[in-house]
Amino acid sequence: MAKKLAIPWELKHDWAMRGWASSHRGYLYANRKKYGPAAALDLFERAQKIDERVKNFANAILTIFNLKGNDCETIGEILDIWDELTGTEAGLLKRSKIINRRKVTKCPLETGYEDISDWSLSFFDIMGKIVNPKVILERPKGMCAGDPYCEYVWRLQEKTSNEVTVKTTVKKMKIPWELKYNFAMKGWTSNHKSWLYALREKYGALEAIRMYETFNEMGDRIKNIANTIRTIFKLEGNDCETIGKCWDIWHELAGQDTNILERSKTINRWRIIKCPFQTEYKDISDWCNRFDHVIGSTINPNATWEMITCMCAGDPYCECVVKLEE
C-alpha cells in the first residue's frame, strides 16, 4: 500500500469542490455547445435521476444532522448545512414554517450561460421536495441568468400580505473538514458518473466517451489539474519518479487506495484497488485511460501510458504503467 500523505483536510476539501464545480460546469458547457441548451438541461435532469443523486444528498444531510421536520424551516436548515459543506455564501431574508427565502452571493457551482441557468431550479426543487413534496420553489433572480445574486423562495402555501418572519440570521455551522471533504468528493464522483451514464443512456457509449473528451479539453482541464499539483507540491522533475509522485498526491486527494509495484526515473507501475470514480459500464471504461494519459504527458510529452487492467472494465483492480525510454 502506498504511504499516506499528510495533506490537510481543508486543502483536500477545496480540491474536491473545485473538481466537482469544474466537472459540473464542463459537462453543461460541452453539452450546450454540441446539442443546444434544451438538450443540456435534459441531460442534467437525467443525470440527477440516475441513482436519485440529489435525493441521496438531501437524505444524507437529514440523517447525519438529525433533521426531522417537514416544513420550510427544515429546508432552510438543510441549505445552511449545504452552504457550509460546499463553500456557498448566502444570507437569510425570511424563514418560517411556511416560507424560506434566501439570497446567494457566492456559489462554486455557478455557470455563465443564461439559457442553461435553470439547472439550479431543478437541483434545489428536488432538495426541497425531499422534505415536503408540496413545497413550491421560485427563483426571482439567478447569477447564472446574469443577475448579481441568486434569490430562492420555497413556500408551503400561497403568497400572503402578512407573511411572518421568524428568523433572519443563521448561526455558522461547525462541520469538520474531513466530513466536508467526504461530502465534496461524493458530489464530484456522483456528478462524474451520472453524466457519463446519462450520455450513454441517451446517445450511446461512444458518444459518452467523446463528450468526456470534449469537456476535458475545454480550458485544458486535465492539464490544469496536473500543473496545479506540480505547483502546490513543488514537483520540479519530468521523469517517471515525478509522474509517480504526482499520482501519489492525486490518489490521496481523490481517496484512492493504491499499491506501488515499480518506480524509477524510467518507469512507474502501480495498482489501484479502490477508486471512488469507478463506473459500472464496460463500454465507457475508457474514460480513465484518457484522463491518466493526459496527466503523464503534461509532465513529460514523451511518456507512454498503458492500462493493463481496469476495474471499470470488470477487472478486480486497475494496473497502470508509465514509461520513458532510457
C-alpha atoms as a PDB file:
ATOM      1  CA  MET A   1       0.000   0.000   0.000  1.00  0.00           C
ATOM      2  CA  ALA A   2       1.273   3.467  -0.882  1.00  0.00           C
ATOM      3  CA  LYS A   3       2.245   5.642   2.088  1.00  0.00           C
ATOM      4  CA  LYS A   4      -0.457   8.116   3.110  1.00  0.00           C
ATOM      5  CA  LEU A   5       0.495  11.754   2.602  1.00  0.00           C
ATOM      6  CA  ALA A   6      -0.093  14.401   5.254  1.00  0.00           C
ATOM      7  CA  ILE A   7      -2.373  16.657   3.204  1.00  0.00           C
ATOM      8  CA  PRO A   8      -4.651  18.915   5.322  1.00  0.00           C
ATOM      9  CA  TRP A   9      -8.377  18.155   5.099  1.00  0.00           C
ATOM     10  CA  GLU A  10      -9.116  21.795   4.254  1.00  0.00           C
ATOM     11  CA  LEU A  11      -6.868  21.631   1.186  1.00  0.00           C
ATOM     12  CA  LYS A  12      -8.403  18.298   0.202  1.00  0.00           C
ATOM     13  CA  HIS A  13     -11.911  19.744   0.575  1.00  0.00           C
ATOM     14  CA  ASP A  14     -11.072  22.767  -1.571  1.00  0.00           C
ATOM     15  CA  TRP A  15      -9.554  20.459  -4.188  1.00  0.00           C
ATOM     16  CA  ALA A  16     -12.641  18.231  -4.243  1.00  0.00           C
ATOM     17  CA  MET A  17     -15.008  21.199  -4.520  1.00  0.00           C
ATOM     18  CA  ARG A  18     -13.029  22.593  -7.456  1.00  0.00           C
ATOM     19  CA  GLY A  19     -13.209  19.191  -9.107  1.00  0.00           C
ATOM     20  CA  TRP A  20     -16.963  18.968  -8.541  1.00  0.00           C
ATOM     21  CA  ALA A  21     -17.574  22.505  -9.815  1.00  0.00           C
ATOM     22  CA  SER A  22     -15.313  22.026 -12.840  1.00  0.00           C
ATOM     23  CA  SER A  23     -16.990  18.735 -13.737  1.00  0.00           C
ATOM     24  CA  HIS A  24     -20.474  20.232 -13.289  1.00  0.00           C
ATOM     25  CA  ARG A  25     -19.778  23.251 -15.480  1.00  0.00           C
ATOM     26  CA  GLY A  26     -17.696  21.345 -18.004  1.00  0.00           C
ATOM     27  CA  TYR A  27     -20.428  18.868 -18.845  1.00  0.00           C
ATOM     28  CA  LEU A  28     -23.129  21.558 -19.011  1.00  0.00           C
ATOM     29  CA  TYR A  29     -20.960  23.704 -21.302  1.00  0.00           C
ATOM     30  CA  ALA A  30     -19.897  20.824 -23.546  1.00  0.00           C
ATOM     31  CA  ASN A  31     -23.441  19.501 -23.937  1.00  0.00           C
ATOM     32  CA  ARG A  32     -24.780  23.009 -24.550  1.00  0.00           C
ATOM     33  CA  LYS A  33     -22.168  23.574 -27.249  1.00  0.00           C
ATOM     34  CA  LYS A  34     -22.892  20.311 -29.062  1.00  0.00           C
ATOM     35  CA  TYR A  35     -26.603  19.666 -28.512  1.00  0.00           C
ATOM     36  CA  GLY A  36     -28.011  23.074 -27.510  1.00  0.00           C
ATOM     37  CA  PRO A  37     -29.257  24.412 -24.148  1.00  0.00           C
ATOM     38  CA  ALA A  38     -32.526  22.409 -24.027  1.00  0.00           C
ATOM     39  CA  ALA A  39     -30.674  19.111 -24.516  1.00  0.00           C
ATOM     40  CA  ALA A  40     -28.030  20.128 -21.947  1.00  0.00           C
ATOM     41  CA  LEU A  41     -30.728  20.740 -19.326  1.00  0.00           C
ATOM     42  CA  ASP A  42     -32.438  17.468 -20.257  1.00  0.00           C
ATOM     43  CA  LEU A  43     -29.158  15.599 -19.730  1.00  0.00           C
ATOM     44  CA  PHE A  44     -28.632  17.387 -16.402  1.00  0.00           C
ATOM     45  CA  GLU A  45     -32.052  16.216 -15.210  1.00  0.00           C
ATOM     46  CA  ARG A  46     -31.359  12.673 -16.451  1.00  0.00           C
ATOM     47  CA  ALA A  47     -28.084  12.691 -14.538  1.00  0.00           C
ATOM     48  CA  GLN A  48     -29.868  13.750 -11.350  1.00  0.00           C
ATOM     49  CA  LYS A  49     -32.449  10.973 -11.675  1.00  0.00           C
ATOM     50  CA  ILE A  50     -29.815   8.262 -12.118  1.00  0.00           C
ATOM     51  CA  ASP A  51     -29.341   6.674  -8.678  1.00  0.00           C
ATOM     52  CA  GLU A  52     -31.561   9.502  -7.307  1.00  0.00           C
ATOM     53  CA  ARG A  53     -28.455  11.620  -6.898  1.00  0.00           C
ATOM     54  CA  VAL A  54     -29.877  14.785  -5.280  1.00  0.00           C
ATOM     55  CA  LYS A  55     -32.283  12.798  -3.106  1.00  0.00           C
ATOM     56  CA  ASN A  56     -29.310  10.915  -1.712  1.00  0.00           C
ATOM     57  CA  PHE A  57     -27.543  14.202  -0.897  1.00  0.00           C
ATOM     58  CA  ALA A  58     -30.567  15.615   0.916  1.00  0.00           C
ATOM     59  CA  ASN A  59     -31.317  12.391   2.789  1.00  0.00           C
ATOM     60  CA  ALA A  60     -27.679  12.118   3.875  1.00  0.00           C
ATOM     61  CA  ILE A  61     -27.855  15.625   5.396  1.00  0.00           C
ATOM     62  CA  LEU A  62     -31.177  14.808   7.111  1.00  0.00           C
ATOM     63  CA  THR A  63     -29.688  11.641   8.611  1.00  0.00           C
ATOM     64  CA  ILE A  64     -26.236  12.908   9.626  1.00  0.00           C
ATOM     65  CA  PHE A  65     -27.569  16.094  11.233  1.00  0.00           C
ATOM     66  CA  ASN A  66     -30.733  14.500  12.648  1.00  0.00           C
ATOM     67  CA  LEU A  67     -33.219  16.859  10.957  1.00  0.00           C
ATOM     68  CA  LYS A  68     -36.773  15.553  11.364  1.00  0.00           C
ATOM     69  CA  GLY A  69     -39.149  18.359  10.311  1.00  0.00           C
ATOM     70  CA  ASN A  70     -41.117  18.643   7.058  1.00  0.00           C
ATOM     71  CA  ASP A  71     -41.560  22.396   6.703  1.00  0.00           C
ATOM     72  CA  CYS A  72     -39.641  25.366   5.293  1.00  0.00           C
ATOM     73  CA  GLU A  73     -37.602  25.765   8.467  1.00  0.00           C
ATOM     74  CA  THR A  74     -36.186  22.276   7.896  1.00  0.00           C
ATOM     75  CA  ILE A  75     -35.480  23.115   4.246  1.00  0.00           C
ATOM     76  CA  GLY A  76     -33.627  26.185   5.485  1.00  0.00           C
ATOM     77  CA  GLU A  77     -31.583  24.081   7.922  1.00  0.00           C
ATOM     78  CA  ILE A  78     -30.584  21.726   5.081  1.00  0.00           C
ATOM     79  CA  LEU A  79     -29.479  24.702   2.992  1.00  0.00           C
ATOM     80  CA  ASP A  80     -27.478  26.196   5.895  1.00  0.00           C
ATOM     81  CA  ILE A  81     -25.569  22.912   6.074  1.00  0.00           C
ATOM     82  CA  TRP A  82     -25.266  22.783   2.259  1.00  0.00           C
ATOM     83  CA  ASP A  83     -23.683  26.267   2.296  1.00  0.00           C
ATOM     84  CA  GLU A  84     -21.091  25.247   4.861  1.00  0.00           C
ATOM     85  CA  LEU A  85     -20.282  21.957   3.118  1.00  0.00           C
ATOM     86  CA  THR A  86     -19.831  23.500  -0.319  1.00  0.00           C
ATOM     87  CA  GLY A  87     -18.457  26.967   0.434  1.00  0.00           C
ATOM     88  CA  THR A  88     -21.619  28.747  -0.746  1.00  0.00           C
ATOM     89  CA  GLU A  89     -22.186  32.206   0.746  1.00  0.00           C
ATOM     90  CA  ALA A  90     -25.832  33.112   1.402  1.00  0.00           C
ATOM     91  CA  GLY A  91     -27.942  35.420   3.526  1.00  0.00           C
ATOM     92  CA  LEU A  92     -31.327  34.661   5.025  1.00  0.00           C
ATOM     93  CA  LEU A  93     -34.154  37.045   4.056  1.00  0.00           C
ATOM     94  CA  LYS A  94     -37.191  35.248   5.532  1.00  0.00           C
ATOM     95  CA  ARG A  95     -37.725  31.990   7.323  1.00  0.00           C
ATOM     96  CA  SER A  96     -40.750  30.444   8.962  1.00  0.00           C
ATOM     97  CA  LYS A  97     -42.534  27.121   8.746  1.00  0.00           C
ATOM     98  CA  ILE A  98     -44.273  28.222   5.534  1.00  0.00           C
ATOM     99  CA  ILE A  99     -41.537  30.184   3.740  1.00  0.00           C
ATOM    100  CA  ASN A 100     -37.773  30.144   3.271  1.00  0.00           C
ATOM    101  CA  ARG A 101     -36.272  32.989   1.250  1.00  0.00           C
ATOM    102  CA  ARG A 102     -32.527  33.231   0.786  1.00  0.00           C
ATOM    103  CA  LYS A 103     -30.026  35.320  -1.152  1.00  0.00           C
ATOM    104  CA  VAL A 104     -26.886  33.637  -2.532  1.00  0.00           C
ATOM    105  CA  THR A 105     -23.926  35.899  -3.272  1.00  0.00           C
ATOM    106  CA  LYS A 106     -21.236  33.264  -3.957  1.00  0.00           C
ATOM    107  CA  CYS A 107     -21.759  29.805  -5.445  1.00  0.00           C
ATOM    108  CA  PRO A 108     -18.950  27.426  -6.513  1.00  0.00           C
ATOM    109  CA  LEU A 109     -21.334  25.722  -8.960  1.00  0.00           C
ATOM    110  CA  GLU A 110     -22.320  28.923 -10.777  1.00  0.00           C
ATOM    111  CA  THR A 111     -22.435  28.677 -14.570  1.00  0.00           C
ATOM    112  CA  GLY A 112     -22.139  31.525 -17.040  1.00  0.00           C
ATOM    113  CA  TYR A 113     -24.968  30.987 -19.524  1.00  0.00           C
ATOM    114  CA  GLU A 114     -28.493  32.326 -19.098  1.00  0.00           C
ATOM    115  CA  ASP A 115     -30.023  29.643 -21.335  1.00  0.00           C
ATOM    116  CA  ILE A 116     -28.857  26.806 -19.032  1.00  0.00           C
ATOM    117  CA  SER A 117     -29.401  28.676 -15.755  1.00  0.00           C
ATOM    118  CA  ASP A 118     -32.437  26.543 -14.878  1.00  0.00           C
ATOM    119  CA  TRP A 119     -30.172  23.698 -13.716  1.00  0.00           C
ATOM    120  CA  SER A 120     -30.214  25.211 -10.207  1.00  0.00           C
ATOM    121  CA  LEU A 121     -34.022  25.329 -10.115  1.00  0.00           C
ATOM    122  CA  SER A 122     -34.143  21.651 -10.965  1.00  0.00           C
ATOM    123  CA  PHE A 123     -31.490  20.799  -8.372  1.00  0.00           C
ATOM    124  CA  PHE A 124     -32.921  22.763  -5.435  1.00  0.00           C
ATOM    125  CA  ASP A 125     -36.516  21.849  -6.238  1.00  0.00           C
ATOM    126  CA  ILE A 126     -35.666  18.175  -5.723  1.00  0.00           C
ATOM    127  CA  MET A 127     -33.842  19.033  -2.491  1.00  0.00           C
ATOM    128  CA  GLY A 128     -36.887  20.876  -1.118  1.00  0.00           C
ATOM    129  CA  LYS A 129     -39.368  18.180  -2.118  1.00  0.00           C
ATOM    130  CA  ILE A 130     -37.423  15.578  -0.128  1.00  0.00           C
ATOM    131  CA  VAL A 131     -38.563  17.469   2.973  1.00  0.00           C
ATOM    132  CA  ASN A 132     -42.098  18.097   1.741  1.00  0.00           C
ATOM    133  CA  PRO A 133     -43.473  17.120  -1.704  1.00  0.00           C
ATOM    134  CA  LYS A 134     -45.901  20.057  -1.556  1.00  0.00           C
ATOM    135  CA  VAL A 135     -43.218  22.747  -1.415  1.00  0.00           C
ATOM    136  CA  ILE A 136     -43.075  25.204  -4.328  1.00  0.00           C
ATOM    137  CA  LEU A 137     -39.783  26.788  -5.394  1.00  0.00           C
ATOM    138  CA  GLU A 138     -39.331  30.125  -7.153  1.00  0.00           C
ATOM    139  CA  ARG A 139     -36.112  31.834  -8.232  1.00  0.00           C
ATOM    140  CA  PRO A 140     -36.727  35.577  -8.765  1.00  0.00           C
ATOM    141  CA  LYS A 141     -33.028  36.146  -9.510  1.00  0.00           C
ATOM    142  CA  GLY A 142     -30.136  33.936 -10.604  1.00  0.00           C
ATOM    143  CA  MET A 143     -26.416  34.645 -11.040  1.00  0.00           C
ATOM    144  CA  CYS A 144     -26.314  32.015 -13.787  1.00  0.00           C
ATOM    145  CA  ALA A 145     -29.007  34.091 -15.541  1.00  0.00           C
ATOM    146  CA  GLY A 146     -26.934  37.277 -15.292  1.00  0.00           C
ATOM    147  CA  ASP A 147     -28.207  38.756 -12.013  1.00  0.00           C
ATOM    148  CA  PRO A 148     -25.767  39.984  -9.314  1.00  0.00           C
ATOM    149  CA  TYR A 149     -27.037  37.342  -6.868  1.00  0.00           C
ATOM    150  CA  CYS A 150     -29.446  34.415  -6.639  1.00  0.00           C
ATOM    151  CA  GLU A 151     -32.712  34.661  -4.740  1.00  0.00           C
ATOM    152  CA  TYR A 152     -34.629  31.476  -3.964  1.00  0.00           C
ATOM    153  CA  VAL A 153     -38.028  31.143  -2.304  1.00  0.00           C
ATOM    154  CA  TRP A 154     -39.517  27.885  -1.001  1.00  0.00           C
ATOM    155  CA  ARG A 155     -43.207  28.074   0.009  1.00  0.00           C
ATOM    156  CA  LEU A 156     -45.723  25.747   1.560  1.00  0.00           C
ATOM    157  CA  GLN A 157     -48.740  27.948   0.831  1.00  0.00           C
ATOM    158  CA  GLU A 158     -49.854  30.754  -1.472  1.00  0.00           C
ATOM    159  CA  LYS A 159     -48.344  34.221  -1.107  1.00  0.00           C
ATOM    160  CA  THR A 160     -49.955  36.346   1.599  1.00  0.00           C
ATOM    161  CA  SER A 161     -49.646  40.011   2.532  1.00  0.00           C
ATOM    162  CA  ASN A 162     -48.761  39.289   6.177  1.00  0.00           C
ATOM    163  CA  GLU A 163     -46.049  36.649   5.993  1.00  0.00           C
ATOM    164  CA  VAL A 164     -44.367  36.359   9.378  1.00  0.00           C
ATOM    165  CA  THR A 165     -40.604  36.143   9.541  1.00  0.00           C
ATOM    166  CA  VAL A 166     -39.413  34.046  12.462  1.00  0.00           C
ATOM    167  CA  LYS A 167     -35.698  34.070  11.710  1.00  0.00           C
ATOM    168  CA  THR A 168     -33.367  36.203   9.593  1.00  0.00           C
ATOM    169  CA  THR A 169     -29.928  35.209  10.912  1.00  0.00           C
ATOM    170  CA  VAL A 170     -28.087  31.931  10.630  1.00  0.00           C
ATOM    171  CA  LYS A 171     -25.551  30.599  13.106  1.00  0.00           C
ATOM    172  CA  LYS A 172     -22.375  29.366  11.412  1.00  0.00           C
ATOM    173  CA  MET A 173     -22.249  25.575  11.352  1.00  0.00           C
ATOM    174  CA  LYS A 174     -19.176  23.862  12.850  1.00  0.00           C
ATOM    175  CA  ILE A 175     -18.596  20.976  10.440  1.00  0.00           C
ATOM    176  CA  PRO A 176     -15.274  19.061  10.475  1.00  0.00           C
ATOM    177  CA  TRP A 177     -13.148  19.442   7.357  1.00  0.00           C
ATOM    178  CA  GLU A 178     -12.968  15.665   6.915  1.00  0.00           C
ATOM    179  CA  LEU A 179     -16.773  15.452   6.684  1.00  0.00           C
ATOM    180  CA  LYS A 180     -16.817  18.413   4.280  1.00  0.00           C
ATOM    181  CA  TYR A 181     -14.170  16.758   2.130  1.00  0.00           C
ATOM    182  CA  ASN A 182     -16.072  13.452   2.023  1.00  0.00           C
ATOM    183  CA  PHE A 183     -19.249  15.283   1.025  1.00  0.00           C
ATOM    184  CA  ALA A 184     -17.458  17.195  -1.741  1.00  0.00           C
ATOM    185  CA  MET A 185     -15.840  14.015  -3.067  1.00  0.00           C
ATOM    186  CA  LYS A 186     -19.221  12.263  -3.180  1.00  0.00           C
ATOM    187  CA  GLY A 187     -20.608  15.228  -5.092  1.00  0.00           C
ATOM    188  CA  TRP A 188     -17.729  15.143  -7.569  1.00  0.00           C
ATOM    189  CA  THR A 189     -17.768  11.388  -8.181  1.00  0.00           C
ATOM    190  CA  SER A 190     -21.555  11.226  -8.348  1.00  0.00           C
ATOM    191  CA  ASN A 191     -21.595  14.105 -10.848  1.00  0.00           C
ATOM    192  CA  HIS A 192     -18.918  12.420 -12.974  1.00  0.00           C
ATOM    193  CA  LYS A 193     -20.613   9.023 -13.089  1.00  0.00           C
ATOM    194  CA  SER A 194     -24.172  10.236 -13.546  1.00  0.00           C
ATOM    195  CA  TRP A 195     -23.238  12.466 -16.519  1.00  0.00           C
ATOM    196  CA  LEU A 196     -21.451   9.555 -18.204  1.00  0.00           C
ATOM    197  CA  TYR A 197     -24.440   7.281 -17.554  1.00  0.00           C
ATOM    198  CA  ALA A 198     -26.947   9.880 -18.795  1.00  0.00           C
ATOM    199  CA  LEU A 199     -24.979  10.450 -22.015  1.00  0.00           C
ATOM    200  CA  ARG A 200     -24.657   6.696 -22.543  1.00  0.00           C
ATOM    201  CA  GLU A 201     -28.390   6.268 -21.960  1.00  0.00           C
ATOM    202  CA  LYS A 202     -29.377   8.963 -24.461  1.00  0.00           C
ATOM    203  CA  TYR A 203     -26.619   8.889 -27.118  1.00  0.00           C
ATOM    204  CA  GLY A 204     -24.736   5.621 -26.632  1.00  0.00           C
ATOM    205  CA  ALA A 205     -21.371   4.595 -25.188  1.00  0.00           C
ATOM    206  CA  LEU A 206     -19.122   6.021 -27.910  1.00  0.00           C
ATOM    207  CA  GLU A 207     -20.743   9.444 -27.726  1.00  0.00           C
ATOM    208  CA  ALA A 208     -20.433   9.422 -23.925  1.00  0.00           C
ATOM    209  CA  ILE A 209     -16.663   8.919 -24.237  1.00  0.00           C
ATOM    210  CA  ARG A 210     -16.386  11.597 -26.940  1.00  0.00           C
ATOM    211  CA  MET A 211     -18.274  14.074 -24.769  1.00  0.00           C
ATOM    212  CA  TYR A 212     -15.999  13.247 -21.819  1.00  0.00           C
ATOM    213  CA  GLU A 213     -13.020  14.163 -24.015  1.00  0.00           C
ATOM    214  CA  THR A 214     -14.732  17.342 -25.207  1.00  0.00           C
ATOM    215  CA  PHE A 215     -15.438  18.689 -21.734  1.00  0.00           C
ATOM    216  CA  ASN A 216     -11.919  17.848 -20.529  1.00  0.00           C
ATOM    217  CA  GLU A 217     -10.430  19.738 -23.481  1.00  0.00           C
ATOM    218  CA  MET A 218     -12.396  22.878 -22.565  1.00  0.00           C
ATOM    219  CA  GLY A 219      -9.857  25.087 -20.791  1.00  0.00           C
ATOM    220  CA  ASP A 220      -7.299  22.246 -20.753  1.00  0.00           C
ATOM    221  CA  ARG A 221      -8.978  20.891 -17.639  1.00  0.00           C
ATOM    222  CA  ILE A 222      -6.788  17.818 -17.009  1.00  0.00           C
ATOM    223  CA  LYS A 223      -3.570  19.662 -17.830  1.00  0.00           C
ATOM    224  CA  ASN A 224      -4.552  22.261 -15.251  1.00  0.00           C
ATOM    225  CA  ILE A 225      -5.052  19.520 -12.654  1.00  0.00           C
ATOM    226  CA  ALA A 226      -1.556  18.146 -13.268  1.00  0.00           C
ATOM    227  CA  ASN A 227       0.077  21.578 -13.299  1.00  0.00           C
ATOM    228  CA  THR A 228      -1.753  22.634 -10.123  1.00  0.00           C
ATOM    229  CA  ILE A 229      -0.443  19.557  -8.284  1.00  0.00           C
ATOM    230  CA  ARG A 230       3.083  20.277  -9.530  1.00  0.00           C
ATOM    231  CA  THR A 231       2.894  23.906  -8.379  1.00  0.00           C
ATOM    232  CA  ILE A 232       1.334  23.326  -4.938  1.00  0.00           C
ATOM    233  CA  PHE A 233       3.620  20.423  -4.058  1.00  0.00           C
ATOM    234  CA  LYS A 234       6.735  21.771  -5.828  1.00  0.00           C
ATOM    235  CA  LEU A 235       7.333  18.841  -8.182  1.00  0.00           C
ATOM    236  CA  GLU A 236      10.091  20.074 -10.494  1.00  0.00           C
ATOM    237  CA  GLY A 237      11.276  16.956 -12.367  1.00  0.00           C
ATOM    238  CA  ASN A 238       9.895  15.479 -15.576  1.00  0.00           C
ATOM    239  CA  ASP A 239      10.716  11.789 -15.251  1.00  0.00           C
ATOM    240  CA  CYS A 240       8.671   8.789 -14.100  1.00  0.00           C
ATOM    241  CA  GLU A 241       9.535   9.393 -10.455  1.00  0.00           C
ATOM    242  CA  THR A 242       7.949  12.844 -10.713  1.00  0.00           C
ATOM    243  CA  ILE A 243       4.947  11.403 -12.542  1.00  0.00           C
ATOM    244  CA  GLY A 244       4.667   8.819  -9.758  1.00  0.00           C
ATOM    245  CA  LYS A 245       4.796  11.496  -7.051  1.00  0.00           C
ATOM    246  CA  CYS A 246       2.076  13.438  -8.890  1.00  0.00           C
ATOM    247  CA  TRP A 247      -0.072  10.302  -8.883  1.00  0.00           C
ATOM    248  CA  ASP A 248       0.646   9.660  -5.170  1.00  0.00           C
ATOM    249  CA  ILE A 249      -0.786  13.121  -4.422  1.00  0.00           C
ATOM    250  CA  TRP A 250      -3.743  12.624  -6.769  1.00  0.00           C
ATOM    251  CA  HIS A 251      -4.574   9.262  -5.138  1.00  0.00           C
ATOM    252  CA  GLU A 252      -4.550  10.858  -1.683  1.00  0.00           C
ATOM    253  CA  LEU A 253      -6.654  13.838  -2.806  1.00  0.00           C
ATOM    254  CA  ALA A 254      -9.170  11.602  -4.588  1.00  0.00           C
ATOM    255  CA  GLY A 255      -9.479   8.930  -1.897  1.00  0.00           C
ATOM    256  CA  GLN A 256      -7.990   6.097  -3.957  1.00  0.00           C
ATOM    257  CA  ASP A 257      -6.160   3.121  -2.422  1.00  0.00           C
ATOM    258  CA  THR A 258      -3.055   2.077  -4.360  1.00  0.00           C
ATOM    259  CA  ASN A 259      -0.016  -0.182  -4.300  1.00  0.00           C
ATOM    260  CA  ILE A 260       3.256   0.900  -5.944  1.00  0.00           C
ATOM    261  CA  LEU A 261       4.700  -2.052  -7.865  1.00  0.00           C
ATOM    262  CA  GLU A 262       7.729  -0.442  -9.526  1.00  0.00           C
ATOM    263  CA  ARG A 263       9.211   3.038  -9.631  1.00  0.00           C
ATOM    264  CA  SER A 264      12.328   4.576 -11.155  1.00  0.00           C
ATOM    265  CA  LYS A 265      13.180   7.508 -13.405  1.00  0.00           C
ATOM    266  CA  THR A 266      12.110   5.478 -16.456  1.00  0.00           C
ATOM    267  CA  ILE A 267       9.100   3.507 -15.211  1.00  0.00           C
ATOM    268  CA  ASN A 268       6.193   3.900 -12.791  1.00  0.00           C
ATOM    269  CA  ARG A 269       3.854   0.928 -12.304  1.00  0.00           C
ATOM    270  CA  TRP A 270       1.066   0.920  -9.762  1.00  0.00           C
ATOM    271  CA  ARG A 271      -2.156  -0.846  -8.907  1.00  0.00           C
ATOM    272  CA  ILE A 272      -5.405   0.862  -7.854  1.00  0.00           C
ATOM    273  CA  ILE A 273      -7.593  -1.315  -5.635  1.00  0.00           C
ATOM    274  CA  LYS A 274     -10.218   1.266  -4.654  1.00  0.00           C
ATOM    275  CA  CYS A 275     -11.469   4.208  -6.720  1.00  0.00           C
ATOM    276  CA  PRO A 276     -14.472   6.458  -5.974  1.00  0.00           C
ATOM    277  CA  PHE A 277     -14.689   7.338  -9.688  1.00  0.00           C
ATOM    278  CA  GLN A 278     -15.238   3.722 -10.730  1.00  0.00           C
ATOM    279  CA  THR A 279     -18.064   3.342 -13.262  1.00  0.00           C
ATOM    280  CA  GLU A 280     -20.220   0.286 -13.842  1.00  0.00           C
ATOM    281  CA  TYR A 281     -20.407   0.025 -17.615  1.00  0.00           C
ATOM    282  CA  LYS A 282     -17.611  -1.743 -19.504  1.00  0.00           C
ATOM    283  CA  ASP A 283     -18.395   0.142 -22.705  1.00  0.00           C
ATOM    284  CA  ILE A 284     -17.498   3.511 -21.124  1.00  0.00           C
ATOM    285  CA  SER A 285     -14.492   2.227 -19.159  1.00  0.00           C
ATOM    286  CA  ASP A 286     -12.052   4.036 -21.448  1.00  0.00           C
ATOM    287  CA  TRP A 287     -12.713   7.425 -19.822  1.00  0.00           C
ATOM    288  CA  CYS A 288      -9.973   6.967 -17.188  1.00  0.00           C
ATOM    289  CA  ASN A 289      -7.430   5.755 -19.754  1.00  0.00           C
ATOM    290  CA  ARG A 290      -7.757   9.115 -21.483  1.00  0.00           C
ATOM    291  CA  PHE A 291      -7.589  11.078 -18.224  1.00  0.00           C
ATOM    292  CA  ASP A 292      -4.467   9.292 -16.999  1.00  0.00           C
ATOM    293  CA  HIS A 293      -2.635   9.642 -20.312  1.00  0.00           C
ATOM    294  CA  VAL A 294      -3.005  13.444 -20.234  1.00  0.00           C
ATOM    295  CA  ILE A 295      -1.690  13.651 -16.642  1.00  0.00           C
ATOM    296  CA  GLY A 296       1.527  11.817 -17.606  1.00  0.00           C
ATOM    297  CA  SER A 297       2.079  13.604 -20.908  1.00  0.00           C
ATOM    298  CA  THR A 298       1.609  17.012 -19.221  1.00  0.00           C
ATOM    299  CA  ILE A 299       4.685  16.299 -17.098  1.00  0.00           C
ATOM    300  CA  ASN A 300       6.621  14.749 -19.977  1.00  0.00           C
ATOM    301  CA  PRO A 301       5.225  14.618 -23.552  1.00  0.00           C
ATOM    302  CA  ASN A 302       7.443  11.603 -24.270  1.00  0.00           C
ATOM    303  CA  ALA A 303       5.874   9.464 -21.541  1.00  0.00           C
ATOM    304  CA  THR A 304       3.948   6.423 -22.779  1.00  0.00           C
ATOM    305  CA  TRP A 305       0.920   5.189 -20.900  1.00  0.00           C
ATOM    306  CA  GLU A 306      -0.635   1.724 -20.672  1.00  0.00           C
ATOM    307  CA  MET A 307      -3.583   0.489 -18.627  1.00  0.00           C
ATOM    308  CA  ILE A 308      -3.151  -3.274 -18.264  1.00  0.00           C
ATOM    309  CA  THR A 309      -6.300  -3.998 -16.237  1.00  0.00           C
ATOM    310  CA  CYS A 310      -9.265  -1.749 -15.352  1.00  0.00           C
ATOM    311  CA  MET A 311     -11.963  -2.007 -12.666  1.00  0.00           C
ATOM    312  CA  CYS A 312     -14.387  -0.017 -14.843  1.00  0.00           C
ATOM    313  CA  ALA A 313     -13.987  -2.757 -17.474  1.00  0.00           C
ATOM    314  CA  GLY A 314     -14.732  -5.501 -14.933  1.00  0.00           C
ATOM    315  CA  ASP A 315     -11.238  -6.350 -13.632  1.00  0.00           C
ATOM    316  CA  PRO A 316     -10.587  -6.696  -9.862  1.00  0.00           C
ATOM    317  CA  TYR A 317      -8.127  -3.766  -9.905  1.00  0.00           C
ATOM    318  CA  CYS A 318      -6.520  -1.224 -12.218  1.00  0.00           C
ATOM    319  CA  GLU A 319      -2.877  -1.724 -13.141  1.00  0.00           C
ATOM    320  CA  CYS A 320      -1.173   1.186 -14.867  1.00  0.00           C
ATOM    321  CA  VAL A 321       2.280   1.715 -16.321  1.00  0.00           C
ATOM    322  CA  VAL A 322       4.034   4.937 -17.384  1.00  0.00           C
ATOM    323  CA  LYS A 323       7.378   4.598 -19.188  1.00  0.00           C
ATOM    324  CA  LEU A 324      10.119   6.802 -20.598  1.00  0.00           C
ATOM    325  CA  GLU A 325      12.688   5.395 -22.991  1.00  0.00           C
ATOM    326  CA  GLU A 326      16.190   5.320 -21.487  1.00  0.00           C
END
